[in-house]
Amino acid sequence: MQESSFKQFVTKPPVLFPLAALFHIVITISAIVSLSGIPLSQRDWLRPLSMIIFTVCSVGLCSMRKWTAIVYVVLSIVCLALIYFTPLDTPQHIFGDGFFPFNLILSLFILLLFKRFE
């Protein structure tokens, strides 16, 4: 008998990944709600854009696929580089600091558990 998708989402990965996905979802929604009065053309929307990308990747981590783990870690490294190598208040810097430093901590756990990914 086939298990439900939600049950696999919660039981297949270590408990850290579904909790991280839930955290990503909640923080992303709150960031979008807080910017709801600002036009989409403003660069303030770059931070929620990066948060949406991280949220999709963190939900993908719950499937325990290696490619989602690699994408999350690479995206974290790119955002870290954007934070440290671009001047403050530039679009690249704003995009990079969406989930900093949480994304680096989760990337560390991903690398520690990488052998468990399929």
Protein backbone atom coordinates (compact mmCIF):
# COMPACT_ATOMS: atom_id res chain seq x y z
CA MET A 1 0.00 0.00 0.00
CA GLN A 2 1.28 3.46 -0.97
CA GLU A 3 1.96 5.88 1.90
CA SER A 4 0.52 9.35 1.70
CA SER A 5 2.77 12.17 0.52
CA PHE A 6 2.39 14.07 3.78
CA LYS A 7 3.34 11.02 5.83
CA GLN A 8 6.46 10.52 3.70
CA PHE A 9 7.22 14.24 4.02
CA VAL A 10 7.23 13.95 7.81
CA THR A 11 8.58 10.44 8.47
CA LYS A 12 11.19 9.84 5.75
CA PRO A 13 13.72 12.58 6.62
CA PRO A 14 15.26 13.34 10.01
CA VAL A 15 12.97 15.53 12.11
CA LEU A 16 15.21 18.54 11.49
CA PHE A 17 14.25 18.86 7.82
CA PRO A 18 10.45 19.08 8.19
CA LEU A 19 10.92 21.53 11.06
CA ALA A 20 13.28 23.61 8.92
CA ALA A 21 10.79 23.53 6.04
CA LEU A 22 8.03 24.71 8.37
CA PHE A 23 10.29 27.48 9.69
CA HIS A 24 11.12 28.56 6.12
CA ILE A 25 7.43 28.66 5.20
CA VAL A 26 6.41 30.71 8.24
CA ILE A 27 9.24 33.24 7.91
CA THR A 28 8.68 33.61 4.17
CA ILE A 29 4.97 34.24 4.60
CA SER A 30 5.64 36.81 7.33
CA ALA A 31 8.19 38.60 5.11
CA ILE A 32 5.73 38.72 2.23
CA VAL A 33 2.94 40.02 4.48
CA SER A 34 5.21 42.69 5.95
CA LEU A 35 6.00 43.99 2.43
CA SER A 36 2.45 43.80 1.14
CA GLY A 37 2.10 47.60 0.94
CA ILE A 38 5.28 48.07 -1.10
CA PRO A 39 5.17 47.86 -4.92
CA LEU A 40 6.77 44.76 -6.45
CA SER A 41 9.19 46.92 -8.40
CA GLN A 42 11.04 47.90 -5.20
CA ARG A 43 14.27 46.08 -4.43
CA ASP A 44 13.00 45.24 -0.94
CA TRP A 45 11.23 42.31 -2.59
CA LEU A 46 14.57 40.64 -3.35
CA ARG A 47 14.81 39.29 0.22
CA PRO A 48 11.42 37.48 0.05
CA LEU A 49 12.40 36.21 -3.41
CA SER A 50 15.49 34.53 -1.98
CA MET A 51 13.37 33.28 0.92
CA ILE A 52 10.92 31.68 -1.52
CA ILE A 53 13.80 29.92 -3.30
CA PHE A 54 15.19 28.65 0.01
CA THR A 55 11.69 27.54 1.07
CA VAL A 56 11.20 25.50 -2.09
CA CYS A 57 14.61 23.91 -1.56
CA SER A 58 13.92 23.15 2.11
CA VAL A 59 10.62 21.48 1.24
CA GLY A 60 12.55 19.51 -1.36
CA LEU A 61 15.02 18.41 1.32
CA CYS A 62 12.22 16.43 2.92
CA SER A 63 12.21 14.14 -0.12
CA MET A 64 15.80 13.18 0.82
CA ARG A 65 17.12 13.60 -2.74
CA LYS A 66 20.80 14.40 -3.18
CA TRP A 67 20.17 17.05 -5.81
CA THR A 68 17.99 19.08 -3.43
CA ALA A 69 20.72 18.89 -0.78
CA ILE A 70 23.33 20.06 -3.27
CA VAL A 71 21.12 22.92 -4.50
CA TYR A 72 20.48 24.11 -0.94
CA VAL A 73 24.16 24.05 0.01
CA VAL A 74 25.27 25.77 -3.21
CA LEU A 75 22.57 28.42 -2.81
CA SER A 76 23.74 29.01 0.76
CA ILE A 77 27.33 29.45 -0.40
CA VAL A 78 26.26 31.87 -3.14
CA CYS A 79 24.24 33.93 -0.66
CA LEU A 80 27.16 33.94 1.79
CA ALA A 81 29.44 35.23 -0.98
CA LEU A 82 26.89 37.91 -1.86
CA ILE A 83 26.72 39.04 1.75
CA TYR A 84 30.48 39.29 2.24
CA PHE A 85 31.65 40.46 -1.19
CA THR A 86 29.02 43.05 -2.13
CA PRO A 87 28.57 46.49 -0.56
CA LEU A 88 25.74 47.08 1.88
CA ASP A 89 22.42 48.22 0.46
CA THR A 90 23.03 46.76 -2.99
CA PRO A 91 20.46 44.42 -4.57
CA GLN A 92 22.89 41.50 -4.39
CA HIS A 93 23.46 42.01 -0.67
CA ILE A 94 19.72 42.31 -0.01
CA PHE A 95 19.10 39.08 -1.95
CA GLY A 96 21.84 37.25 -0.04
CA ASP A 97 20.75 37.84 3.53
CA GLY A 98 17.28 36.29 3.47
CA PHE A 99 17.92 33.42 5.87
CA PHE A 100 21.46 34.19 6.99
CA PRO A 101 22.84 32.48 9.20
CA PHE A 102 20.10 29.84 9.48
CA ASN A 103 20.80 28.59 5.96
CA LEU A 104 24.45 27.97 6.85
CA ILE A 105 23.54 26.01 9.97
CA LEU A 106 21.09 23.87 8.00
CA SER A 107 23.72 23.40 5.28
CA LEU A 108 26.09 22.03 7.91
CA PHE A 109 23.49 19.45 8.96
CA ILE A 110 22.83 18.61 5.30
CA LEU A 111 26.52 17.93 4.78
CA LEU A 112 26.70 15.83 7.95
CA LEU A 113 23.72 13.74 6.83
CA PHE A 114 24.58 13.68 3.11
CA LYS A 115 25.08 9.90 2.99
CA ARG A 116 21.44 9.37 3.97
CA PHE A 117 20.20 11.17 0.85
CA GLU A 118 19.16 9.06 -2.15
